[in-house]
PDB file of N, CA and C in Angstrom:
ATOM      1  N   UNK A   1       0.845  -1.195   0.000  1.00  0.00           N
ATOM      2  CA  UNK A   1       0.000   0.000   0.000  1.00  0.00           C
ATOM      3  C   UNK A   1       0.881   1.245   0.000  1.00  0.00           C
ATOM      4  N   UNK A   2       0.625   2.189  -0.904  1.00  0.00           N
ATOM      5  CA  UNK A   2       1.453   3.391  -0.979  1.00  0.00           C
ATOM      6  C   UNK A   2       1.347   4.247   0.279  1.00  0.00           C
ATOM      7  N   UNK A   3       2.388   5.010   0.526  1.00  0.00           N
ATOM      8  CA  UNK A   3       2.437   5.935   1.651  1.00  0.00           C
ATOM      9  C   UNK A   3       1.598   7.171   1.321  1.00  0.00           C
ATOM     10  N   UNK A   4       0.432   7.272   1.937  1.00  0.00           N
ATOM     11  CA  UNK A   4      -0.480   8.381   1.638  1.00  0.00           C
ATOM     12  C   UNK A   4      -0.017   9.698   2.250  1.00  0.00           C
ATOM     13  N   UNK A   5       1.038   9.656   3.069  1.00  0.00           N
ATOM     14  CA  UNK A   5       1.572  10.897   3.632  1.00  0.00           C
ATOM     15  C   UNK A   5       2.708  11.448   2.768  1.00  0.00           C
ATOM     16  N   UNK A   6       2.951  10.825   1.635  1.00  0.00           N
ATOM     17  CA  UNK A   6       3.991  11.301   0.723  1.00  0.00           C
ATOM     18  C   UNK A   6       3.648  12.704   0.235  1.00  0.00           C
ATOM     19  N   UNK A   7       4.660  13.535   0.126  1.00  0.00           N
ATOM     20  CA  UNK A   7       4.478  14.899  -0.379  1.00  0.00           C
ATOM     21  C   UNK A   7       4.781  14.894  -1.869  1.00  0.00           C
ATOM     22  N   UNK A   8       3.851  15.421  -2.669  1.00  0.00           N
ATOM     23  CA  UNK A   8       3.954  15.378  -4.122  1.00  0.00           C
ATOM     24  C   UNK A   8       3.841  16.796  -4.683  1.00  0.00           C
ATOM     25  N   UNK A   9       4.668  17.087  -5.691  1.00  0.00           N
ATOM     26  CA  UNK A   9       4.646  18.388  -6.350  1.00  0.00           C
ATOM     27  C   UNK A   9       4.196  18.215  -7.798  1.00  0.00           C
ATOM     28  N   UNK A  10       3.169  18.969  -8.176  1.00  0.00           N
ATOM     29  CA  UNK A  10       2.669  19.000  -9.551  1.00  0.00           C
ATOM     30  C   UNK A  10       3.183  20.297 -10.184  1.00  0.00           C
ATOM     31  N   UNK A  11       3.840  20.169 -11.352  1.00  0.00           N
ATOM     32  CA  UNK A  11       4.396  21.339 -12.026  1.00  0.00           C
ATOM     33  C   UNK A  11       3.817  21.399 -13.436  1.00  0.00           C
ATOM     34  N   UNK A  12       2.991  22.400 -13.694  1.00  0.00           N
ATOM     35  CA  UNK A  12       2.381  22.555 -15.018  1.00  0.00           C
ATOM     36  C   UNK A  12       1.864  23.977 -15.130  1.00  0.00           C
ATOM     37  N   UNK A  13       2.051  24.592 -16.293  1.00  0.00           N
ATOM     38  CA  UNK A  13       1.554  25.955 -16.470  1.00  0.00           C
ATOM     39  C   UNK A  13       0.054  25.983 -16.750  1.00  0.00           C
ATOM     40  N   UNK A  14      -0.554  24.844 -17.038  1.00  0.00           N
ATOM     41  CA  UNK A  14      -1.997  24.778 -17.300  1.00  0.00           C
ATOM     42  C   UNK A  14      -2.756  24.416 -16.022  1.00  0.00           C
ATOM     43  N   UNK A  15      -3.587  25.335 -15.557  1.00  0.00           N
ATOM     44  CA  UNK A  15      -4.355  25.108 -14.338  1.00  0.00           C
ATOM     45  C   UNK A  15      -5.223  23.854 -14.450  1.00  0.00           C
ATOM     46  N   UNK A  16      -5.815  23.620 -15.620  1.00  0.00           N
ATOM     47  CA  UNK A  16      -6.697  22.458 -15.791  1.00  0.00           C
ATOM     48  C   UNK A  16      -5.941  21.149 -15.575  1.00  0.00           C
ATOM     49  N   UNK A  17      -4.706  21.077 -16.046  1.00  0.00           N
ATOM     50  CA  UNK A  17      -3.905  19.865 -15.870  1.00  0.00           C
ATOM     51  C   UNK A  17      -3.519  19.710 -14.395  1.00  0.00           C
ATOM     52  N   UNK A  18      -3.134  20.814 -13.755  1.00  0.00           N
ATOM     53  CA  UNK A  18      -2.812  20.745 -12.322  1.00  0.00           C
ATOM     54  C   UNK A  18      -4.025  20.278 -11.523  1.00  0.00           C
ATOM     55  N   UNK A  19      -5.202  20.826 -11.848  1.00  0.00           N
ATOM     56  CA  UNK A  19      -6.418  20.438 -11.134  1.00  0.00           C
ATOM     57  C   UNK A  19      -6.749  18.967 -11.328  1.00  0.00           C
ATOM     58  N   UNK A  20      -6.661  18.478 -12.569  1.00  0.00           N
ATOM     59  CA  UNK A  20      -6.977  17.079 -12.847  1.00  0.00           C
ATOM     60  C   UNK A  20      -5.997  16.148 -12.132  1.00  0.00           C
ATOM     61  N   UNK A  21      -4.714  16.511 -12.171  1.00  0.00           N
ATOM     62  CA  UNK A  21      -3.699  15.691 -11.513  1.00  0.00           C
ATOM     63  C   UNK A  21      -3.900  15.700 -10.003  1.00  0.00           C
ATOM     64  N   UNK A  22      -4.166  16.866  -9.461  1.00  0.00           N
ATOM     65  CA  UNK A  22      -4.412  16.997  -8.025  1.00  0.00           C
ATOM     66  C   UNK A  22      -5.641  16.188  -7.605  1.00  0.00           C
ATOM     67  N   UNK A  23      -6.716  16.274  -8.379  1.00  0.00           N
ATOM     68  CA  UNK A  23      -7.930  15.502  -8.075  1.00  0.00           C
ATOM     69  C   UNK A  23      -7.638  14.006  -8.080  1.00  0.00           C
ATOM     70  N   UNK A  24      -6.855  13.562  -9.041  1.00  0.00           N
ATOM     71  CA  UNK A  24      -6.486  12.153  -9.130  1.00  0.00           C
ATOM     72  C   UNK A  24      -5.700  11.718  -7.888  1.00  0.00           C
ATOM     73  N   UNK A  25      -4.736  12.537  -7.487  1.00  0.00           N
ATOM     74  CA  UNK A  25      -3.941  12.225  -6.299  1.00  0.00           C
ATOM     75  C   UNK A  25      -4.814  12.182  -5.050  1.00  0.00           C
ATOM     76  N   UNK A  26      -5.713  13.138  -4.944  1.00  0.00           N
ATOM     77  CA  UNK A  26      -6.601  13.169  -3.776  1.00  0.00           C
ATOM     78  C   UNK A  26      -7.526  11.959  -3.760  1.00  0.00           C
ATOM     79  N   UNK A  27      -7.978  11.516  -4.950  1.00  0.00           N
ATOM     80  CA  UNK A  27      -8.790  10.293  -5.043  1.00  0.00           C
ATOM     81  C   UNK A  27      -8.008   9.076  -4.546  1.00  0.00           C
ATOM     82  N   UNK A  28      -6.695   9.114  -4.739  1.00  0.00           N
ATOM     83  CA  UNK A  28      -5.835   8.015  -4.294  1.00  0.00           C
ATOM     84  C   UNK A  28      -5.530   8.102  -2.798  1.00  0.00           C
ATOM     85  N   UNK A  29      -5.903   9.228  -2.172  1.00  0.00           N
ATOM     86  CA  UNK A  29      -5.686   9.387  -0.742  1.00  0.00           C
ATOM     87  C   UNK A  29      -4.515  10.273  -0.364  1.00  0.00           C
ATOM     88  N   UNK A  30      -3.832  10.846  -1.345  1.00  0.00           N
ATOM     89  CA  UNK A  30      -2.716  11.737  -1.039  1.00  0.00           C
ATOM     90  C   UNK A  30      -3.251  13.114  -0.654  1.00  0.00           C
ATOM     91  N   UNK A  31      -2.737  13.666   0.432  1.00  0.00           N
ATOM     92  CA  UNK A  31      -3.233  14.961   0.903  1.00  0.00           C
ATOM     93  C   UNK A  31      -2.166  16.058   0.861  1.00  0.00           C
ATOM     94  N   UNK A  32      -0.906  15.672   0.798  1.00  0.00           N
ATOM     95  CA  UNK A  32       0.180  16.652   0.759  1.00  0.00           C
ATOM     96  C   UNK A  32       0.587  16.889  -0.695  1.00  0.00           C
ATOM     97  N   UNK A  33      -0.224  17.687  -1.376  1.00  0.00           N
ATOM     98  CA  UNK A  33      -0.027  17.952  -2.800  1.00  0.00           C
ATOM     99  C   UNK A  33       0.195  19.449  -2.992  1.00  0.00           C
ATOM    100  N   UNK A  34       1.354  19.804  -3.539  1.00  0.00           N
ATOM    101  CA  UNK A  34       1.689  21.191  -3.828  1.00  0.00           C
ATOM    102  C   UNK A  34       1.696  21.404  -5.336  1.00  0.00           C
ATOM    103  N   UNK A  35       1.608  22.665  -5.752  1.00  0.00           N
ATOM    104  CA  UNK A  35       1.580  22.985  -7.171  1.00  0.00           C
ATOM    105  C   UNK A  35       2.536  24.128  -7.480  1.00  0.00           C
ATOM    106  N   UNK A  36       3.130  24.059  -8.683  1.00  0.00           N
ATOM    107  CA  UNK A  36       3.969  25.137  -9.201  1.00  0.00           C
ATOM    108  C   UNK A  36       3.589  25.353 -10.661  1.00  0.00           C
ATOM    109  N   UNK A  37       3.720  26.596 -11.130  1.00  0.00           N
ATOM    110  CA  UNK A  37       3.299  26.933 -12.498  1.00  0.00           C
ATOM    111  C   UNK A  37       4.440  26.901 -13.507  1.00  0.00           C
ATOM    112  N   UNK A  38       5.684  26.735 -13.018  1.00  0.00           N
ATOM    113  CA  UNK A  38       6.822  26.626 -13.933  1.00  0.00           C
ATOM    114  C   UNK A  38       7.990  25.970 -13.208  1.00  0.00           C
ATOM    115  N   UNK A  39       9.013  25.630 -13.970  1.00  0.00           N
ATOM    116  CA  UNK A  39      10.152  24.929 -13.410  1.00  0.00           C
ATOM    117  C   UNK A  39      10.963  25.732 -12.415  1.00  0.00           C
ATOM    118  N   UNK A  40      11.028  27.047 -12.604  1.00  0.00           N
ATOM    119  CA  UNK A  40      11.780  27.884 -11.670  1.00  0.00           C
ATOM    120  C   UNK A  40      11.134  27.867 -10.284  1.00  0.00           C
ATOM    121  N   UNK A  41       9.816  28.042 -10.251  1.00  0.00           N
ATOM    122  CA  UNK A  41       9.081  27.985  -8.983  1.00  0.00           C
ATOM    123  C   UNK A  41       9.233  26.601  -8.353  1.00  0.00           C
ATOM    124  N   UNK A  42       9.131  25.571  -9.181  1.00  0.00           N
ATOM    125  CA  UNK A  42       9.229  24.202  -8.689  1.00  0.00           C
ATOM    126  C   UNK A  42      10.599  23.907  -8.093  1.00  0.00           C
ATOM    127  N   UNK A  43      11.660  24.381  -8.738  1.00  0.00           N
ATOM    128  CA  UNK A  43      13.009  24.124  -8.235  1.00  0.00           C
ATOM    129  C   UNK A  43      13.184  24.711  -6.833  1.00  0.00           C
ATOM    130  N   UNK A  44      12.695  25.912  -6.630  1.00  0.00           N
ATOM    131  CA  UNK A  44      12.769  26.528  -5.295  1.00  0.00           C
ATOM    132  C   UNK A  44      11.994  25.694  -4.277  1.00  0.00           C
ATOM    133  N   UNK A  45      10.844  25.172  -4.678  1.00  0.00           N
ATOM    134  CA  UNK A  45      10.026  24.366  -3.767  1.00  0.00           C
ATOM    135  C   UNK A  45      10.703  23.039  -3.441  1.00  0.00           C
ATOM    136  N   UNK A  46      11.302  22.402  -4.443  1.00  0.00           N
ATOM    137  CA  UNK A  46      11.981  21.116  -4.221  1.00  0.00           C
ATOM    138  C   UNK A  46      13.194  21.319  -3.308  1.00  0.00           C
ATOM    139  N   UNK A  47      13.851  22.445  -3.439  1.00  0.00           N
ATOM    140  CA  UNK A  47      15.001  22.724  -2.563  1.00  0.00           C
ATOM    141  C   UNK A  47      14.560  23.042  -1.134  1.00  0.00           C
ATOM    142  N   UNK A  48      13.326  23.526  -0.972  1.00  0.00           N
ATOM    143  CA  UNK A  48      12.828  23.911   0.355  1.00  0.00           C
ATOM    144  C   UNK A  48      12.115  22.776   1.093  1.00  0.00           C
ATOM    145  N   UNK A  49      11.593  21.796   0.376  1.00  0.00           N
ATOM    146  CA  UNK A  49      10.804  20.707   0.981  1.00  0.00           C
ATOM    147  C   UNK A  49      11.266  19.363   0.443  1.00  0.00           C
ATOM    148  N   UNK A  50      11.057  18.325   1.211  1.00  0.00           N
ATOM    149  CA  UNK A  50      11.346  16.958   0.738  1.00  0.00           C
ATOM    150  C   UNK A  50      10.118  16.444  -0.001  1.00  0.00           C
ATOM    151  N   UNK A  51      10.261  16.180  -1.291  1.00  0.00           N
ATOM    152  CA  UNK A  51       9.164  15.625  -2.074  1.00  0.00           C
ATOM    153  C   UNK A  51       9.428  14.155  -2.371  1.00  0.00           C
ATOM    154  N   UNK A  52       8.378  13.366  -2.286  1.00  0.00           N
ATOM    155  CA  UNK A  52       8.466  11.944  -2.611  1.00  0.00           C
ATOM    156  C   UNK A  52       8.286  11.724  -4.107  1.00  0.00           C
ATOM    157  N   UNK A  53       7.738  12.742  -4.792  1.00  0.00           N
ATOM    158  CA  UNK A  53       7.534  12.647  -6.231  1.00  0.00           C
ATOM    159  C   UNK A  53       7.300  14.038  -6.811  1.00  0.00           C
ATOM    160  N   UNK A  54       7.920  14.308  -7.960  1.00  0.00           N
ATOM    161  CA  UNK A  54       7.641  15.505  -8.740  1.00  0.00           C
ATOM    162  C   UNK A  54       6.998  15.036 -10.037  1.00  0.00           C
ATOM    163  N   UNK A  55       5.825  15.595 -10.343  1.00  0.00           N
ATOM    164  CA  UNK A  55       5.124  15.308 -11.592  1.00  0.00           C
ATOM    165  C   UNK A  55       5.182  16.601 -12.397  1.00  0.00           C
ATOM    166  N   UNK A  56       5.951  16.594 -13.488  1.00  0.00           N
ATOM    167  CA  UNK A  56       6.195  17.850 -14.198  1.00  0.00           C
ATOM    168  C   UNK A  56       5.895  17.764 -15.683  1.00  0.00           C
ATOM    169  N   UNK A  57       5.271  18.818 -16.177  1.00  0.00           N
ATOM    170  CA  UNK A  57       5.091  19.015 -17.606  1.00  0.00           C
ATOM    171  C   UNK A  57       6.455  19.324 -18.217  1.00  0.00           C
ATOM    172  N   UNK A  58       6.604  19.068 -19.493  1.00  0.00           N
ATOM    173  CA  UNK A  58       7.853  19.369 -20.199  1.00  0.00           C
ATOM    174  C   UNK A  58       7.862  20.821 -20.680  1.00  0.00           C
ATOM    175  N   UNK A  59       6.809  21.216 -21.401  1.00  0.00           N
ATOM    176  CA  UNK A  59       6.760  22.537 -22.037  1.00  0.00           C
ATOM    177  C   UNK A  59       6.107  23.570 -21.128  1.00  0.00           C
ATOM    178  N   UNK A  60       6.956  24.435 -20.560  1.00  0.00           N
ATOM    179  CA  UNK A  60       6.468  25.512 -19.695  1.00  0.00           C
ATOM    180  C   UNK A  60       7.343  26.738 -19.914  1.00  0.00           C
ATOM    181  N   UNK A  61       6.778  27.927 -19.651  1.00  0.00           N
ATOM    182  CA  UNK A  61       7.602  29.139 -19.732  1.00  0.00           C
ATOM    183  C   UNK A  61       8.556  29.212 -18.537  1.00  0.00           C
ATOM    184  N   UNK A  62       9.503  30.104 -18.604  1.00  0.00           N
ATOM    185  CA  UNK A  62      10.490  30.414 -17.571  1.00  0.00           C
ATOM    186  C   UNK A  62      11.553  29.311 -17.463  1.00  0.00           C
ATOM    187  N   UNK A  63      11.146  28.102 -17.090  1.00  0.00           N
ATOM    188  CA  UNK A  63      12.058  26.961 -17.017  1.00  0.00           C
ATOM    189  C   UNK A  63      11.257  25.718 -17.378  1.00  0.00           C
ATOM    190  N   UNK A  64      11.724  24.980 -18.380  1.00  0.00           N
ATOM    191  CA  UNK A  64      10.994  23.791 -18.838  1.00  0.00           C
ATOM    192  C   UNK A  64      11.133  22.642 -17.844  1.00  0.00           C
ATOM    193  N   UNK A  65      10.313  21.635 -18.043  1.00  0.00           N
ATOM    194  CA  UNK A  65      10.408  20.438 -17.215  1.00  0.00           C
ATOM    195  C   UNK A  65      11.751  19.737 -17.376  1.00  0.00           C
ATOM    196  N   UNK A  66      12.291  19.744 -18.592  1.00  0.00           N
ATOM    197  CA  UNK A  66      13.594  19.117 -18.827  1.00  0.00           C
ATOM    198  C   UNK A  66      14.703  19.893 -18.112  1.00  0.00           C
ATOM    199  N   UNK A  67      14.627  21.223 -18.137  1.00  0.00           N
ATOM    200  CA  UNK A  67      15.602  22.041 -17.401  1.00  0.00           C
ATOM    201  C   UNK A  67      15.474  21.808 -15.895  1.00  0.00           C
ATOM    202  N   UNK A  68      14.238  21.729 -15.416  1.00  0.00           N
ATOM    203  CA  UNK A  68      13.992  21.447 -13.996  1.00  0.00           C
ATOM    204  C   UNK A  68      14.606  20.108 -13.617  1.00  0.00           C
ATOM    205  N   UNK A  69      14.337  19.088 -14.406  1.00  0.00           N
ATOM    206  CA  UNK A  69      14.860  17.752 -14.140  1.00  0.00           C
ATOM    207  C   UNK A  69      16.392  17.773 -14.108  1.00  0.00           C
ATOM    208  N   UNK A  70      17.002  18.422 -15.073  1.00  0.00           N
ATOM    209  CA  UNK A  70      18.469  18.492 -15.127  1.00  0.00           C
ATOM    210  C   UNK A  70      19.038  19.175 -13.884  1.00  0.00           C
ATOM    211  N   UNK A  71      18.395  20.241 -13.432  1.00  0.00           N
ATOM    212  CA  UNK A  71      18.891  20.949 -12.246  1.00  0.00           C
ATOM    213  C   UNK A  71      18.683  20.135 -10.973  1.00  0.00           C
ATOM    214  N   UNK A  72      17.576  19.411 -10.900  1.00  0.00           N
ATOM    215  CA  UNK A  72      17.353  18.537  -9.737  1.00  0.00           C
ATOM    216  C   UNK A  72      18.424  17.449  -9.704  1.00  0.00           C
ATOM    217  N   UNK A  73      18.681  16.823 -10.838  1.00  0.00           N
ATOM    218  CA  UNK A  73      19.667  15.730 -10.892  1.00  0.00           C
ATOM    219  C   UNK A  73      21.097  16.228 -10.625  1.00  0.00           C
ATOM    220  N   UNK A  74      21.347  17.510 -10.856  1.00  0.00           N
ATOM    221  CA  UNK A  74      22.679  18.075 -10.631  1.00  0.00           C
ATOM    222  C   UNK A  74      22.896  18.528  -9.183  1.00  0.00           C
ATOM    223  N   UNK A  75      21.850  18.545  -8.384  1.00  0.00           N
ATOM    224  CA  UNK A  75      21.910  19.027  -7.004  1.00  0.00           C
ATOM    225  C   UNK A  75      21.990  17.828  -6.055  1.00  0.00           C
ATOM    226  N   UNK A  76      23.127  17.681  -5.371  1.00  0.00           N
ATOM    227  CA  UNK A  76      23.338  16.508  -4.508  1.00  0.00           C
ATOM    228  C   UNK A  76      22.244  16.302  -3.468  1.00  0.00           C
ATOM    229  N   UNK A  77      21.685  17.383  -2.965  1.00  0.00           N
ATOM    230  CA  UNK A  77      20.696  17.295  -1.891  1.00  0.00           C
ATOM    231  C   UNK A  77      19.352  16.741  -2.356  1.00  0.00           C
ATOM    232  N   UNK A  78      19.039  16.896  -3.644  1.00  0.00           N
ATOM    233  CA  UNK A  78      17.701  16.505  -4.127  1.00  0.00           C
ATOM    234  C   UNK A  78      17.744  15.577  -5.338  1.00  0.00           C
ATOM    235  N   UNK A  79      18.936  15.153  -5.741  1.00  0.00           N
ATOM    236  CA  UNK A  79      19.069  14.435  -7.016  1.00  0.00           C
ATOM    237  C   UNK A  79      18.338  13.101  -7.097  1.00  0.00           C
ATOM    238  N   UNK A  80      17.987  12.506  -5.965  1.00  0.00           N
ATOM    239  CA  UNK A  80      17.301  11.216  -6.008  1.00  0.00           C
ATOM    240  C   UNK A  80      15.774  11.334  -5.948  1.00  0.00           C
ATOM    241  N   UNK A  81      15.251  12.553  -6.019  1.00  0.00           N
ATOM    242  CA  UNK A  81      13.802  12.766  -5.999  1.00  0.00           C
ATOM    243  C   UNK A  81      13.174  12.105  -7.227  1.00  0.00           C
ATOM    244  N   UNK A  82      12.208  11.193  -7.036  1.00  0.00           N
ATOM    245  CA  UNK A  82      11.536  10.580  -8.190  1.00  0.00           C
ATOM    246  C   UNK A  82      10.862  11.655  -9.044  1.00  0.00           C
ATOM    247  N   UNK A  83      10.944  11.498 -10.363  1.00  0.00           N
ATOM    248  CA  UNK A  83      10.486  12.537 -11.289  1.00  0.00           C
ATOM    249  C   UNK A  83       9.691  11.890 -12.414  1.00  0.00           C
ATOM    250  N   UNK A  84       8.418  12.262 -12.506  1.00  0.00           N
ATOM    251  CA  UNK A  84       7.536  11.776 -13.580  1.00  0.00           C
ATOM    252  C   UNK A  84       7.358  12.905 -14.589  1.00  0.00           C
ATOM    253  N   UNK A  85       7.899  12.716 -15.791  1.00  0.00           N
ATOM    254  CA  UNK A  85       7.777  13.716 -16.858  1.00  0.00           C
ATOM    255  C   UNK A  85       6.448  13.490 -17.575  1.00  0.00           C
ATOM    256  N   UNK A  86       5.680  14.567 -17.695  1.00  0.00           N
ATOM    257  CA  UNK A  86       4.383  14.510 -18.372  1.00  0.00           C
ATOM    258  C   UNK A  86       4.444  15.464 -19.554  1.00  0.00           C
ATOM    259  N   UNK A  87       4.134  14.962 -20.752  1.00  0.00           N
ATOM    260  CA  UNK A  87       4.245  15.838 -21.908  1.00  0.00           C
ATOM    261  C   UNK A  87       3.426  15.356 -23.087  1.00  0.00           C
ATOM    262  N   UNK A  88       3.145  16.282 -23.960  1.00  0.00           N
ATOM    263  CA  UNK A  88       2.491  15.942 -25.224  1.00  0.00           C
ATOM    264  C   UNK A  88       3.534  15.518 -26.252  1.00  0.00           C
ATOM    265  N   UNK A  89       4.809  15.660 -25.889  1.00  0.00           N
ATOM    266  CA  UNK A  89       5.913  15.294 -26.779  1.00  0.00           C
ATOM    267  C   UNK A  89       6.119  13.782 -26.740  1.00  0.00           C
ATOM    268  N   UNK A  90       5.525  13.077 -27.696  1.00  0.00           N
ATOM    269  CA  UNK A  90       5.574  11.615 -27.680  1.00  0.00           C
ATOM    270  C   UNK A  90       6.680  11.040 -28.558  1.00  0.00           C
ATOM    271  N   UNK A  91       7.507  11.891 -29.142  1.00  0.00           N
ATOM    272  CA  UNK A  91       8.544  11.385 -30.041  1.00  0.00           C
ATOM    273  C   UNK A  91       9.567  10.555 -29.269  1.00  0.00           C
ATOM    274  N   UNK A  92      10.105   9.566 -29.946  1.00  0.00           N
ATOM    275  CA  UNK A  92      11.099   8.692 -29.338  1.00  0.00           C
ATOM    276  C   UNK A  92      12.314   9.503 -28.867  1.00  0.00           C
ATOM    277  N   UNK A  93      12.694  10.512 -29.651  1.00  0.00           N
ATOM    278  CA  UNK A  93      13.848  11.341 -29.300  1.00  0.00           C
ATOM    279  C   UNK A  93      13.635  12.050 -27.961  1.00  0.00           C
ATOM    280  N   UNK A  94      12.417  12.560 -27.751  1.00  0.00           N
ATOM    281  CA  UNK A  94      12.140  13.269 -26.497  1.00  0.00           C
ATOM    282  C   UNK A  94      12.086  12.311 -25.314  1.00  0.00           C
ATOM    283  N   UNK A  95      11.558  11.126 -25.522  1.00  0.00           N
ATOM    284  CA  UNK A  95      11.538  10.137 -24.443  1.00  0.00           C
ATOM    285  C   UNK A  95      12.980   9.802 -24.058  1.00  0.00           C
ATOM    286  N   UNK A  96      13.836   9.624 -25.054  1.00  0.00           N
ATOM    287  CA  UNK A  96      15.247   9.331 -24.789  1.00  0.00           C
ATOM    288  C   UNK A  96      15.903  10.490 -24.049  1.00  0.00           C
ATOM    289  N   UNK A  97      15.601  11.738 -24.451  1.00  0.00           N
ATOM    290  CA  UNK A  97      16.149  12.919 -23.760  1.00  0.00           C
ATOM    291  C   UNK A  97      15.744  12.918 -22.285  1.00  0.00           C
ATOM    292  N   UNK A  98      14.470  12.648 -22.028  1.00  0.00           N
ATOM    293  CA  UNK A  98      13.970  12.652 -20.647  1.00  0.00           C
ATOM    294  C   UNK A  98      14.643  11.556 -19.818  1.00  0.00           C
ATOM    295  N   UNK A  99      14.779  10.379 -20.400  1.00  0.00           N
ATOM    296  CA  UNK A  99      15.413   9.268 -19.684  1.00  0.00           C
ATOM    297  C   UNK A  99      16.891   9.577 -19.432  1.00  0.00           C
ATOM    298  N   UNK A 100      17.581  10.105 -20.438  1.00  0.00           N
ATOM    299  CA  UNK A 100      19.000  10.456 -20.274  1.00  0.00           C
ATOM    300  C   UNK A 100      19.191  11.546 -19.231  1.00  0.00           C
ATOM    301  N   UNK A 101      18.228  12.449 -19.128  1.00  0.00           N
ATOM    302  CA  UNK A 101      18.308  13.529 -18.131  1.00  0.00           C
ATOM    303  C   UNK A 101      18.003  13.023 -16.726  1.00  0.00           C
ATOM    304  N   UNK A 102      17.448  11.812 -16.632  1.00  0.00           N
ATOM    305  CA  UNK A 102      17.206  11.228 -15.319  1.00  0.00           C
ATOM    306  C   UNK A 102      15.761  11.092 -14.912  1.00  0.00           C
ATOM    307  N   UNK A 103      14.826  11.189 -15.859  1.00  0.00           N
ATOM    308  CA  UNK A 103      13.411  11.001 -15.507  1.00  0.00           C
ATOM    309  C   UNK A 103      13.218   9.581 -14.976  1.00  0.00           C
ATOM    310  N   UNK A 104      12.489   9.472 -13.887  1.00  0.00           N
ATOM    311  CA  UNK A 104      12.204   8.167 -13.318  1.00  0.00           C
ATOM    312  C   UNK A 104      11.179   7.444 -14.182  1.00  0.00           C
ATOM    313  N   UNK A 105      10.224   8.218 -14.715  1.00  0.00           N
ATOM    314  CA  UNK A 105       9.204   7.665 -15.594  1.00  0.00           C
ATOM    315  C   UNK A 105       8.670   8.775 -16.489  1.00  0.00           C
ATOM    316  N   UNK A 106       7.823   8.395 -17.434  1.00  0.00           N
ATOM    317  CA  UNK A 106       7.372   9.298 -18.489  1.00  0.00           C
ATOM    318  C   UNK A 106       5.925   8.961 -18.811  1.00  0.00           C
ATOM    319  N   UNK A 107       5.102   9.980 -19.015  1.00  0.00           N
ATOM    320  CA  UNK A 107       3.710   9.755 -19.402  1.00  0.00           C
ATOM    321  C   UNK A 107       3.335  10.782 -20.475  1.00  0.00           C
ATOM    322  N   UNK A 108       2.584  10.349 -21.473  1.00  0.00           N
ATOM    323  CA  UNK A 108       2.232  11.213 -22.594  1.00  0.00           C
ATOM    324  C   UNK A 108       0.808  11.742 -22.430  1.00  0.00           C
ATOM    325  N   UNK A 109       0.652  13.059 -22.659  1.00  0.00           N
ATOM    326  CA  UNK A 109      -0.674  13.693 -22.662  1.00  0.00           C
ATOM    327  C   UNK A 109      -1.338  13.415 -24.001  1.00  0.00           C
ATOM    328  N   UNK A 110      -2.626  13.309 -24.068  1.00  0.00           N
ATOM    329  CA  UNK A 110      -3.528  13.251 -22.910  1.00  0.00           C
ATOM    330  C   UNK A 110      -3.446  11.875 -22.256  1.00  0.00           C
ATOM    331  N   UNK A 111      -3.629  11.858 -20.953  1.00  0.00           N
ATOM    332  CA  UNK A 111      -3.591  10.600 -20.220  1.00  0.00           C
ATOM    333  C   UNK A 111      -4.858  10.486 -19.381  1.00  0.00           C
ATOM    334  N   UNK A 112      -5.178   9.260 -19.006  1.00  0.00           N
ATOM    335  CA  UNK A 112      -6.352   9.033 -18.172  1.00  0.00           C
ATOM    336  C   UNK A 112      -5.942   9.008 -16.707  1.00  0.00           C
ATOM    337  N   UNK A 113      -6.918   9.158 -15.843  1.00  0.00           N
ATOM    338  CA  UNK A 113      -6.656   9.077 -14.406  1.00  0.00           C
ATOM    339  C   UNK A 113      -6.097   7.698 -14.056  1.00  0.00           C
ATOM    340  N   UNK A 114      -6.595   6.655 -14.706  1.00  0.00           N
ATOM    341  CA  UNK A 114      -6.107   5.300 -14.430  1.00  0.00           C
ATOM    342  C   UNK A 114      -4.634   5.151 -14.798  1.00  0.00           C
ATOM    343  N   UNK A 115      -4.236   5.730 -15.933  1.00  0.00           N
ATOM    344  CA  UNK A 115      -2.833   5.672 -16.341  1.00  0.00           C
ATOM    345  C   UNK A 115      -1.958   6.397 -15.330  1.00  0.00           C
ATOM    346  N   UNK A 116      -2.406   7.571 -14.902  1.00  0.00           N
ATOM    347  CA  UNK A 116      -1.652   8.340 -13.915  1.00  0.00           C
ATOM    348  C   UNK A 116      -1.552   7.565 -12.598  1.00  0.00           C
ATOM    349  N   UNK A 117      -2.648   6.993 -12.156  1.00  0.00           N
ATOM    350  CA  UNK A 117      -2.654   6.231 -10.899  1.00  0.00           C
ATOM    351  C   UNK A 117      -1.681   5.057 -10.974  1.00  0.00           C
ATOM    352  N   UNK A 118      -1.642   4.357 -12.094  1.00  0.00           N
ATOM    353  CA  UNK A 118      -0.729   3.225 -12.258  1.00  0.00           C
ATOM    354  C   UNK A 118       0.716   3.689 -12.161  1.00  0.00           C
ATOM    355  N   UNK A 119       1.040   4.808 -12.813  1.00  0.00           N
ATOM    356  CA  UNK A 119       2.413   5.344 -12.760  1.00  0.00           C
ATOM    357  C   UNK A 119       2.780   5.730 -11.319  1.00  0.00           C
ATOM    358  N   UNK A 120       1.876   6.427 -10.649  1.00  0.00           N
ATOM    359  CA  UNK A 120       2.154   6.892  -9.292  1.00  0.00           C
ATOM    360  C   UNK A 120       2.377   5.710  -8.353  1.00  0.00           C
ATOM    361  N   UNK A 121       1.548   4.691  -8.476  1.00  0.00           N
ATOM    362  CA  UNK A 121       1.707   3.500  -7.624  1.00  0.00           C
ATOM    363  C   UNK A 121       3.070   2.846  -7.823  1.00  0.00           C
ATOM    364  N   UNK A 122       3.613   2.936  -9.043  1.00  0.00           N
ATOM    365  CA  UNK A 122       4.922   2.327  -9.292  1.00  0.00           C
ATOM    366  C   UNK A 122       6.069   3.208  -8.789  1.00  0.00           C
ATOM    367  N   UNK A 123       5.805   4.489  -8.533  1.00  0.00           N
ATOM    368  CA  UNK A 123       6.861   5.421  -8.155  1.00  0.00           C
ATOM    369  C   UNK A 123       6.929   5.727  -6.660  1.00  0.00           C
ATOM    370  N   UNK A 124       5.822   5.571  -5.964  1.00  0.00           N
ATOM    371  CA  UNK A 124       5.813   5.850  -4.522  1.00  0.00           C
ATOM    372  C   UNK A 124       5.634   4.537  -3.774  1.00  0.00           C
ATOM    373  N   UNK A 125       6.667   4.122  -3.057  1.00  0.00           N
ATOM    374  CA  UNK A 125       6.593   2.826  -2.349  1.00  0.00           C
ATOM    375  C   UNK A 125       5.562   2.822  -1.242  1.00  0.00           C
TER     376      UNK A 125
END
């Protein structure tokens, strides 16, 4: 059974995607869910709090999800934070980029709540 006290960060510039993801997490029983609208805001939050999972969009203004992931992986204090990349970029090249940058897992938009729940269950022990 997953740890429902896990702290999770949703990073997406689209409010609708943040809301849907948050609703899905809450349906699963997670209550410590934070949100950021871009990678720069998210990086500050990850450095300030211990997150059990970061769920991040790829394409965002200010700092992309890939830039966020690269900076997290380069920071010794937070580099092992599980990272789920969420994007409409389904090309094989982009999946390889995300994996090489250190994404723990990858999900393509649009996705269903069931797909998201399955990914989350595999990422949070």
